[in-house]
Amino acid sequence: MLQKIDIQQLTLGMYVERIETEHARTRMAKPGYVRRPETIQKLKQSGVSYVWVDADQILDINEIQYNGAVYQGKYASTGADIDKARALIDSSKQQLSRLLNDIYANKPIDVAPLEALGSDIVDNIFERQHAVAWISGIRDKSAYLMEHSLNVAFLLVSFGRHLGFDHATLQELAVGGLVHDIGKVLVADDVLNKPGKLTAEEFDHMKLHQVFSQPVLDSIPDLSQIARDVSLMHHEKLDGNGYPNGLKGEALHTIGRMSGIVDIYDALTADRCYKRAMSPSEAFKIMMGLTPFHLDPTLLRAFIQCIGFYPVGSLVELADGRVGLVWQENLDELTRPVVKLFYSVRSQRFRDVEYIDLDKRHDLRIARATSEKALDINVDAFR
C-alpha cells in the first residue's frame, strides 16, 4: 500500500516507490529501501517535497549495517567532513587564483597566505584525508593549472605524512605544491593550452616555465628551501636527463624525487582536452616503467602504498560486470578494497547499492579501473 509522506518524515528503512517535486511526480527507476542518511539529504537537495513509500515494506534499522557495524561510521567520511573538505578546496582555489593573478600582473607576492593555506591542507589531511580525496578527485577542466597545483599540494602532504615527516616539513611541502608550476603563468597560452602534441619548438618553450619560475620564487620573501626545491626539481630525473639543471643521482634529493613522482601521477590521472584521464592503476603501471632511470623505485612503491592501487573514490568494475566506487582501502591487500556497488555494465542500469569487502569475498575481484566517461554515466549521487 503506497502512502504519500512529506520528505521531512522520510527515515532509514522506508521503501520508496515515487518522488514528487513541486513540478512533477516521478516513479523511481529503481525503487528500494533507504539505507543511507545521505540518500535522504540528496533527495531534499534535489527539490523533492514528498515521497511515496510502501507502508508494508519496512527494513529493520538493525539490518542497515555492514559486518556488524553501521556502515557510515566505519566506511564513509561524514557529511560534515565532506562539507569542510569542500570549503577548504573552494577557498584554496580562490587563494591560488589571487596568487596567479598577482604573478601575471607582476605584483609583490606575500608568502603568509600560502603558509596559512599550507597549514590548513596539512590539518585536513590528518583529520579528514578520505573526504579530501573525494572532493579533490572532482576536477574542473577549465582551470587545470590551479587544480593541478592544488592536487600536487594535497598529494605531497599525504606522501610526506606516509613517510613520517614532521608537521613543519609537511606545511613546506604543501606550499611547494601550490607554487610548483608557478612559471607556467608566463608560458604562451597557445602552447600551454594546445589541444594536441607539442612540436619540439613548443616543448622547448614549455620547459622554460622552470626558468620563468626562478625569479618569481626569488621574489617571494621567506619562501622555504623545501618549497623552492619542490618547484625547481619536479622535472629532474635520476639519470640526469631532466630539466632545468640536469641533476643526477644523489644531487636529486628526496624532496625532488617525491615531487617528480607526484607531478607525473597527477598529470597522468587528469582529464585534458587532448587526452582522457588514466585510472590510478594505469598511471602506476606507466610510472613503474620509468624506474630506475627517471623515478626512484623505492619511493614510488611507498607512494603506491600511500595512495592505494585503487584509491578511495575511484571507479572500478568487478569481473561480474558490477561497477562501484572504492569506499575504503584494505591496507594489507591494496588490490581488494571495500567497494560501494551501484551499477551494472551488463544491464547498463543502476541497481540497489551494496557494499562488498573484497578481502572477504575471494570469489570476486576487480577486473579493471574505469571512469564515468567510459561508461557514459554520472555517479555524483553516490559519492
Protein backbone atom coordinates (compact mmCIF):
# COMPACT_ATOMS: atom_id res chain seq x y z
CA MET A 1 0.00 0.00 0.00
CA LEU A 2 1.56 3.31 -1.14
CA GLN A 3 1.50 6.24 1.24
CA LYS A 4 2.46 9.84 0.48
CA ILE A 5 4.60 11.48 3.15
CA ASP A 6 6.47 14.76 3.48
CA ILE A 7 10.20 14.46 2.72
CA GLN A 8 10.88 15.57 6.31
CA GLN A 9 9.20 12.36 7.53
CA LEU A 10 11.35 10.04 5.43
CA THR A 11 13.56 7.82 7.58
CA LEU A 12 16.02 4.96 7.17
CA GLY A 13 14.40 1.63 6.33
CA MET A 14 11.46 3.01 4.31
CA TYR A 15 10.79 1.64 0.81
CA VAL A 16 10.47 4.50 -1.73
CA GLU A 17 8.44 3.96 -4.92
CA ARG A 18 7.91 7.53 -6.18
CA ILE A 19 9.22 11.03 -5.61
CA GLU A 20 7.39 14.30 -6.04
CA THR A 21 8.65 17.83 -6.59
CA GLU A 22 6.60 20.99 -6.97
CA HIS A 23 6.66 20.41 -10.74
CA ALA A 24 6.21 16.67 -11.23
CA ARG A 25 5.67 13.23 -9.72
CA THR A 26 8.04 10.52 -10.94
CA ARG A 27 8.25 6.79 -10.36
CA MET A 28 11.69 5.75 -9.16
CA ALA A 29 13.65 4.00 -11.93
CA LYS A 30 14.91 1.66 -9.21
CA PRO A 31 12.55 1.61 -6.19
CA GLY A 32 14.20 0.50 -2.99
CA TYR A 33 14.92 0.87 0.70
CA VAL A 34 16.51 3.99 2.14
CA ARG A 35 19.71 2.62 3.67
CA ARG A 36 21.81 5.78 4.00
CA PRO A 37 21.24 9.18 5.63
CA GLU A 38 22.93 10.75 2.58
CA THR A 39 20.12 9.42 0.36
CA ILE A 40 17.57 11.46 2.28
CA GLN A 41 19.80 14.52 2.16
CA LYS A 42 20.27 14.21 -1.61
CA LEU A 43 16.51 13.92 -2.18
CA LYS A 44 15.99 17.11 -0.19
CA GLN A 45 18.75 18.91 -2.10
CA SER A 46 17.15 17.79 -5.39
CA GLY A 47 13.95 19.63 -4.54
CA VAL A 48 11.87 16.58 -3.59
CA SER A 49 8.92 17.67 -1.46
CA TYR A 50 7.10 14.34 -0.99
CA VAL A 51 7.86 10.65 -1.41
CA TRP A 52 5.51 7.72 -1.93
CA VAL A 53 6.51 4.80 0.29
CA ASP A 54 5.26 1.23 0.52
CA ALA A 55 3.92 1.09 4.07
CA ASP A 56 4.03 -2.72 4.01
CA GLN A 57 7.76 -2.81 3.39
CA ILE A 58 9.91 -1.53 6.22
CA LEU A 59 13.52 -2.61 6.66
CA ASP A 60 14.62 -3.26 10.23
CA ILE A 61 17.01 -0.47 11.13
CA ASN A 62 19.31 -3.07 12.69
CA GLU A 63 19.77 -4.64 9.26
CA ILE A 64 21.23 -1.43 7.83
CA GLN A 65 24.77 -2.32 8.72
CA TYR A 66 27.84 -3.96 7.27
CA ASN A 67 29.72 -6.74 9.04
CA GLY A 68 28.08 -5.83 12.31
CA ALA A 69 28.91 -2.11 12.17
CA VAL A 70 26.73 0.71 10.92
CA TYR A 71 28.34 1.41 7.58
CA GLN A 72 28.54 5.19 7.76
CA GLY A 73 30.75 5.33 10.80
CA LYS A 74 33.09 2.65 9.53
CA TYR A 75 33.34 3.13 5.80
CA ALA A 76 32.42 6.68 4.82
CA SER A 77 33.51 10.19 5.61
CA THR A 78 30.71 12.03 7.37
CA GLY A 79 28.73 14.74 5.62
CA ALA A 80 30.36 17.30 7.90
CA ASP A 81 33.81 16.13 6.82
CA ILE A 82 32.83 16.35 3.16
CA ASP A 83 31.50 19.90 3.69
CA LYS A 84 34.69 21.00 5.46
CA ALA A 85 36.87 19.45 2.77
CA ARG A 86 34.83 21.14 0.04
CA ALA A 87 35.09 24.51 1.83
CA LEU A 88 38.87 24.10 2.11
CA ILE A 89 39.25 23.30 -1.58
CA ASP A 90 36.98 26.16 -2.63
CA SER A 91 38.93 28.65 -0.51
CA SER A 92 42.21 27.16 -1.77
CA LYS A 93 41.17 27.77 -5.37
CA GLN A 94 40.34 31.38 -4.55
CA GLN A 95 43.72 31.88 -2.89
CA LEU A 96 45.56 30.28 -5.81
CA SER A 97 43.61 32.37 -8.29
CA ARG A 98 44.70 35.54 -6.49
CA LEU A 99 48.31 34.32 -6.45
CA LEU A 100 48.37 33.57 -10.19
CA ASN A 101 46.75 36.91 -11.00
CA ASP A 102 49.33 38.75 -8.88
CA ILE A 103 52.18 36.98 -10.67
CA TYR A 104 50.71 37.79 -14.07
CA ALA A 105 50.33 41.44 -13.02
CA ASN A 106 53.91 41.49 -11.66
CA LYS A 107 52.70 42.35 -8.15
CA PRO A 108 54.68 41.54 -4.97
CA ILE A 109 53.97 38.04 -3.61
CA ASP A 110 53.17 37.54 0.08
CA VAL A 111 54.13 34.11 1.43
CA ALA A 112 51.94 34.37 4.55
CA PRO A 113 48.63 33.41 2.88
CA LEU A 114 50.37 30.48 1.19
CA GLU A 115 51.75 29.27 4.53
CA ALA A 116 48.31 29.56 6.14
CA LEU A 117 46.78 27.60 3.27
CA GLY A 118 49.55 25.00 3.55
CA SER A 119 48.80 24.61 7.25
CA ASP A 120 45.09 24.12 6.51
CA ILE A 121 45.93 21.44 3.94
CA VAL A 122 48.10 19.57 6.44
CA ASP A 123 45.39 19.74 9.13
CA ASN A 124 42.76 18.42 6.74
CA ILE A 125 44.95 15.53 5.57
CA PHE A 126 45.30 14.47 9.20
CA GLU A 127 41.64 14.99 10.13
CA ARG A 128 39.68 14.02 7.01
CA GLN A 129 42.01 12.60 4.38
CA HIS A 130 39.37 10.48 2.62
CA ALA A 131 36.91 13.37 2.45
CA VAL A 132 39.59 15.49 0.78
CA ALA A 133 40.25 12.65 -1.67
CA TRP A 134 36.57 12.54 -2.64
CA ILE A 135 36.37 16.26 -3.34
CA SER A 136 39.76 16.80 -4.95
CA GLY A 137 39.03 13.91 -7.30
CA ILE A 138 36.30 16.00 -8.95
CA ARG A 139 38.30 18.15 -11.35
CA ASP A 140 37.44 21.43 -13.02
CA LYS A 141 38.78 21.01 -16.55
CA SER A 142 38.61 24.76 -17.23
CA ALA A 143 41.13 25.56 -14.51
CA TYR A 144 43.68 22.78 -14.93
CA LEU A 145 46.74 24.69 -13.75
CA MET A 146 45.04 25.69 -10.50
CA GLU A 147 43.56 22.20 -9.97
CA HIS A 148 46.90 20.54 -10.68
CA SER A 149 48.78 22.78 -8.23
CA LEU A 150 46.24 22.14 -5.51
CA ASN A 151 46.23 18.38 -6.09
CA VAL A 152 50.03 18.23 -6.04
CA ALA A 153 49.98 20.04 -2.69
CA PHE A 154 47.50 17.54 -1.20
CA LEU A 155 49.36 14.56 -2.64
CA LEU A 156 52.73 15.76 -1.37
CA VAL A 157 51.34 16.21 2.14
CA SER A 158 49.76 12.74 2.08
CA PHE A 159 53.01 11.24 0.76
CA GLY A 160 55.12 13.09 3.36
CA ARG A 161 52.80 12.02 6.14
CA HIS A 162 53.09 8.41 4.95
CA LEU A 163 56.89 8.74 5.13
CA GLY A 164 56.73 10.17 8.67
CA PHE A 165 57.71 13.80 8.02
CA ASP A 166 57.07 16.34 10.78
CA HIS A 167 54.30 18.94 10.63
CA ALA A 168 56.58 21.83 9.67
CA THR A 169 58.02 19.91 6.72
CA LEU A 170 54.55 18.88 5.58
CA GLN A 171 53.49 22.54 5.58
CA GLU A 172 56.50 23.45 3.44
CA LEU A 173 55.66 20.60 1.06
CA ALA A 174 52.13 21.97 0.74
CA VAL A 175 53.43 25.43 -0.13
CA GLY A 176 55.83 23.86 -2.62
CA GLY A 177 52.97 22.05 -4.31
CA LEU A 178 50.95 25.25 -4.55
CA VAL A 179 53.79 27.13 -6.29
CA HIS A 180 55.47 24.25 -8.16
CA ASP A 181 54.17 25.27 -11.61
CA ILE A 182 54.18 28.99 -10.95
CA GLY A 183 56.27 29.71 -14.05
CA LYS A 184 53.54 28.39 -16.35
CA VAL A 185 51.65 31.64 -15.84
CA LEU A 186 54.29 33.19 -18.11
CA VAL A 187 54.14 30.48 -20.81
CA ALA A 188 52.36 31.44 -24.04
CA ASP A 189 48.67 30.48 -23.81
CA ASP A 190 48.63 28.83 -27.24
CA VAL A 191 51.37 26.46 -26.08
CA LEU A 192 50.07 25.92 -22.54
CA ASN A 193 46.54 25.05 -23.73
CA LYS A 194 47.33 23.40 -27.07
CA PRO A 195 44.87 20.50 -27.64
CA GLY A 196 47.44 18.10 -29.04
CA LYS A 197 51.07 17.05 -29.08
CA LEU A 198 53.59 19.86 -28.83
CA THR A 199 56.19 20.38 -31.53
CA ALA A 200 59.86 20.24 -30.50
CA GLU A 201 59.98 24.04 -30.53
CA GLU A 202 56.78 24.31 -28.46
CA PHE A 203 58.06 21.76 -25.95
CA ASP A 204 61.28 23.74 -25.54
CA HIS A 205 59.15 26.81 -24.82
CA MET A 206 57.04 24.84 -22.32
CA LYS A 207 60.17 23.73 -20.48
CA LEU A 208 61.02 27.39 -19.97
CA HIS A 209 58.38 27.50 -17.23
CA GLN A 210 61.11 26.18 -14.94
CA VAL A 211 63.33 29.09 -15.94
CA PHE A 212 60.45 31.53 -15.50
CA SER A 213 59.78 30.09 -12.03
CA GLN A 214 63.18 31.05 -10.60
CA PRO A 215 62.76 34.86 -10.46
CA VAL A 216 59.16 34.51 -9.27
CA LEU A 217 60.24 32.25 -6.41
CA ASP A 218 63.11 34.64 -5.60
CA SER A 219 60.55 37.45 -5.28
CA ILE A 220 58.60 35.65 -2.53
CA PRO A 221 60.06 36.65 0.85
CA ASP A 222 60.71 33.85 3.37
CA LEU A 223 59.83 31.02 0.94
CA SER A 224 61.38 27.88 2.43
CA GLN A 225 64.07 25.89 0.62
CA ILE A 226 61.82 22.82 0.64
CA ALA A 227 59.03 24.70 -1.15
CA ARG A 228 61.58 26.08 -3.62
CA ASP A 229 63.01 22.60 -4.28
CA VAL A 230 59.56 21.17 -4.99
CA SER A 231 59.14 23.77 -7.72
CA LEU A 232 62.62 23.60 -9.21
CA MET A 233 63.17 19.83 -9.08
CA HIS A 234 59.88 18.22 -10.13
CA HIS A 235 61.08 17.77 -13.73
CA GLU A 236 64.54 16.46 -12.85
CA LYS A 237 65.36 12.75 -13.44
CA LEU A 238 67.72 10.37 -11.69
CA ASP A 239 69.72 9.72 -14.86
CA GLY A 240 70.41 13.43 -15.37
CA ASN A 241 68.14 13.82 -18.40
CA GLY A 242 65.64 16.09 -16.67
CA TYR A 243 65.46 19.87 -16.56
CA PRO A 244 66.22 22.68 -15.82
CA ASN A 245 69.56 21.71 -14.24
CA GLY A 246 70.12 18.10 -15.29
CA LEU A 247 70.52 16.92 -11.69
CA LYS A 248 71.71 13.33 -11.41
CA GLY A 249 71.78 10.64 -8.73
CA GLU A 250 72.38 11.96 -5.22
CA ALA A 251 72.15 15.55 -6.44
CA LEU A 252 68.41 14.94 -6.75
CA HIS A 253 67.43 14.57 -3.11
CA THR A 254 64.32 13.03 -1.54
CA ILE A 255 62.09 16.12 -1.85
CA GLY A 256 62.89 16.46 -5.54
CA ARG A 257 62.30 12.76 -6.16
CA MET A 258 58.95 12.88 -4.35
CA SER A 259 57.91 15.94 -6.34
CA GLY A 260 58.63 14.25 -9.67
CA ILE A 261 56.54 11.21 -8.70
CA VAL A 262 53.57 13.28 -7.53
CA ASP A 263 53.65 15.65 -10.52
CA ILE A 264 53.66 12.78 -13.05
CA TYR A 265 50.92 10.89 -11.21
CA ASP A 266 48.56 13.85 -11.11
CA ALA A 267 49.25 14.75 -14.75
CA LEU A 268 48.51 11.18 -15.88
CA THR A 269 45.27 10.97 -13.90
CA ALA A 270 43.96 14.35 -15.14
CA ASP A 271 41.37 14.62 -17.91
CA ARG A 272 42.58 17.13 -20.53
CA CYS A 273 41.13 18.34 -23.82
CA TYR A 274 43.72 16.28 -25.71
CA LYS A 275 43.70 13.07 -23.62
CA ARG A 276 41.50 11.07 -21.28
CA ALA A 277 42.42 10.65 -17.65
CA MET A 278 44.14 7.40 -16.74
CA SER A 279 43.00 5.41 -13.76
CA PRO A 280 45.46 5.34 -10.83
CA SER A 281 46.34 1.72 -11.59
CA GLU A 282 47.06 2.56 -15.25
CA ALA A 283 49.21 5.50 -14.16
CA PHE A 284 51.17 3.36 -11.71
CA LYS A 285 51.95 0.81 -14.41
CA ILE A 286 53.43 3.52 -16.62
CA MET A 287 55.36 5.05 -13.74
CA MET A 288 56.88 1.69 -12.80
CA GLY A 289 58.28 1.68 -16.34
CA LEU A 290 60.08 4.94 -15.56
CA THR A 291 62.16 3.31 -12.81
CA PRO A 292 65.04 3.28 -12.04
CA PHE A 293 66.28 5.78 -14.62
CA HIS A 294 63.77 8.57 -14.12
CA LEU A 295 61.94 7.78 -10.87
CA ASP A 296 63.14 6.35 -7.56
CA PRO A 297 61.70 2.79 -7.33
CA THR A 298 61.67 2.67 -3.52
CA LEU A 299 59.84 5.99 -3.21
CA LEU A 300 57.43 5.03 -5.98
CA ARG A 301 56.46 1.84 -4.13
CA ALA A 302 55.92 3.91 -0.99
CA PHE A 303 53.73 6.34 -2.95
CA ILE A 304 51.61 3.48 -4.32
CA GLN A 305 51.15 2.20 -0.78
CA CYS A 306 50.21 5.73 0.32
CA ILE A 307 47.65 6.36 -2.43
CA GLY A 308 46.40 2.82 -2.86
CA PHE A 309 46.39 0.90 -6.11
CA TYR A 310 42.66 1.63 -6.24
CA PRO A 311 42.34 4.90 -4.27
CA VAL A 312 39.26 5.82 -2.26
CA GLY A 313 36.74 7.46 -4.59
CA SER A 314 37.98 5.79 -7.78
CA LEU A 315 35.55 3.91 -10.02
CA VAL A 316 36.11 0.17 -10.60
CA GLU A 317 34.41 -2.67 -12.45
CA LEU A 318 34.25 -6.16 -10.95
CA ALA A 319 34.71 -9.29 -13.04
CA ASP A 320 30.94 -9.91 -12.87
CA GLY A 321 30.19 -6.54 -14.53
CA ARG A 322 29.11 -4.64 -11.42
CA VAL A 323 30.54 -1.16 -11.02
CA GLY A 324 31.11 0.98 -7.95
CA LEU A 325 33.31 3.39 -6.04
CA VAL A 326 36.21 2.30 -3.84
CA TRP A 327 34.89 3.11 -0.37
CA GLN A 328 37.71 2.00 1.91
CA GLU A 329 41.17 0.57 1.40
CA ASN A 330 42.39 -2.71 2.85
CA LEU A 331 45.92 -1.79 3.87
CA ASP A 332 47.05 -5.42 3.94
CA GLU A 333 45.76 -6.09 0.42
CA LEU A 334 45.65 -2.95 -1.73
CA THR A 335 44.00 -4.70 -4.69
CA ARG A 336 41.00 -5.86 -2.61
CA PRO A 337 39.29 -2.76 -1.12
CA VAL A 338 35.73 -2.25 0.13
CA VAL A 339 33.62 -1.25 -2.89
CA LYS A 340 30.26 0.51 -2.99
CA LEU A 341 28.42 -1.10 -5.94
CA PHE A 342 25.51 0.61 -7.71
CA TYR A 343 25.68 -0.02 -11.49
CA SER A 344 25.75 -2.98 -13.89
CA VAL A 345 27.65 -2.86 -17.17
CA ARG A 346 25.71 -5.85 -18.44
CA SER A 347 22.26 -4.33 -17.96
CA GLN A 348 23.53 -0.73 -18.32
CA ARG A 349 21.32 0.24 -15.39
CA PHE A 350 21.77 1.49 -11.87
CA ARG A 351 20.98 -1.06 -9.18
CA ASP A 352 20.48 -1.23 -5.41
CA VAL A 353 23.54 -0.07 -3.53
CA GLU A 354 25.63 -2.84 -1.99
CA TYR A 355 28.87 -2.70 -0.01
CA ILE A 356 31.33 -5.53 -0.70
CA ASP A 357 34.60 -6.13 1.17
CA LEU A 358 36.68 -7.89 -1.49
CA ASP A 359 39.14 -9.06 1.15
CA LYS A 360 36.32 -11.25 2.50
CA ARG A 361 34.87 -12.18 -0.91
CA HIS A 362 37.57 -14.07 -2.78
CA ASP A 363 35.02 -15.22 -5.36
CA LEU A 364 35.01 -11.61 -6.60
CA ARG A 365 37.81 -9.45 -7.98
CA ILE A 366 38.34 -6.09 -9.66
CA ALA A 367 38.60 -6.57 -13.42
CA ARG A 368 39.62 -3.03 -14.24
CA ALA A 369 39.55 0.58 -13.19
CA THR A 370 37.04 2.60 -15.19
CA SER A 371 35.60 6.11 -15.45
CA GLU A 372 32.31 7.94 -15.78
CA LYS A 373 33.31 8.99 -19.29
CA ALA A 374 33.99 5.40 -20.36
CA LEU A 375 30.62 4.24 -19.03
CA ASP A 376 28.74 7.40 -20.04
CA ILE A 377 27.21 7.78 -16.57
CA ASN A 378 27.28 10.31 -13.75
CA VAL A 379 27.98 8.97 -10.25
CA ASP A 380 27.92 12.21 -8.22
CA ALA A 381 24.81 10.98 -6.33
CA PHE A 382 26.79 8.04 -4.95
CA ARG A 383 29.86 9.92 -3.71
